């Protein structure tokens, strides 16, 4: 029997429950992965609470979308892995478990210099940062970028990586207590957003000019003011909604702000094919190997303590990655 954390209905952290399940045998193309480290991400809280829309899931369900571990058994037809290989994955729901059966096509092998904990803490966030910085808006030397939630897991990687690419990085955080974490992640400047229009602060830091791109994972609370931070023809990238969904907008606003662009990307679009998964993972591993980014785990807990980690995430009390140990 395998311990898991699952939900039967949407709700608060009280709906998280421990349950044991019979694992069974891997089918064609599947493997058994003994999980040694499990990542906790904001999307997990969306899956827990959503009743409809983009983040709604079928229930009952084991939560979690990211983990690393060791392959214990192979199903028929699996040739790219062997028993004992270290592997990891992202965006495959069901991670809050001691072991799981998972399609081999969703796994990537871990290089020796990437630990299980580093992979579980950083793979989803790292590949997210990669496609945002290289595919949605290719950040280049001389750009100025604004990164919201700069002390968070994805935010810290965006700041480190953007600075490595030669950009001037302005980070925003929700409280003064998080300013140092953002600065340590590579921000040239850090502001504390208060839910109002912080664009004057941003422009003052950039010589009175708007920024080239805004990376916004906060949503409702920061969206409108973020548009005011852009230069003409700048890019607004909305990739999360920690403060709630963005209300419908009149697209003529984009013209009024200087013919700016708006992107609402999802990682799923960029990892549909096996080649996409391998390319994203390789980019993440290379960034770690080159020193462009570092993964600094700030919060560790046991699997059964995941409720407390969800509460801290939702209250924006965390700075950096969270890892669970089964």
Foldseek 3Di string as FASTA:
>chain_A
DKWFWWAADADALVRTDIDDDDADDAAAQKFKFQFFKAWDDLLQNLCRHDPDDDSDDDPRFGAGFKTKGFTQGDHPPDDPDDGGFIKMAGRDGRRLMRMHMDGPLRIDTDDPVQDRHNRNFAQVLQLVLVCVCPPVPPQAAPFEEEEEQCQEANNLLNQLLNVVRHYAYEYEYQDPVSQVSNVVSHHPHYYHDDLDQCLVVLCVVVVNAAGQEYEAAQAQSCVVSNLLRHHAQHEYEHEHHLPHHHDDDDCVVCVVSHVYYYHHDDVCVQPVDSVSSVVSSVVSVVCVVVVSGDADEDEEEASVCVSVVNVCVSVVNDGGIYMYGD
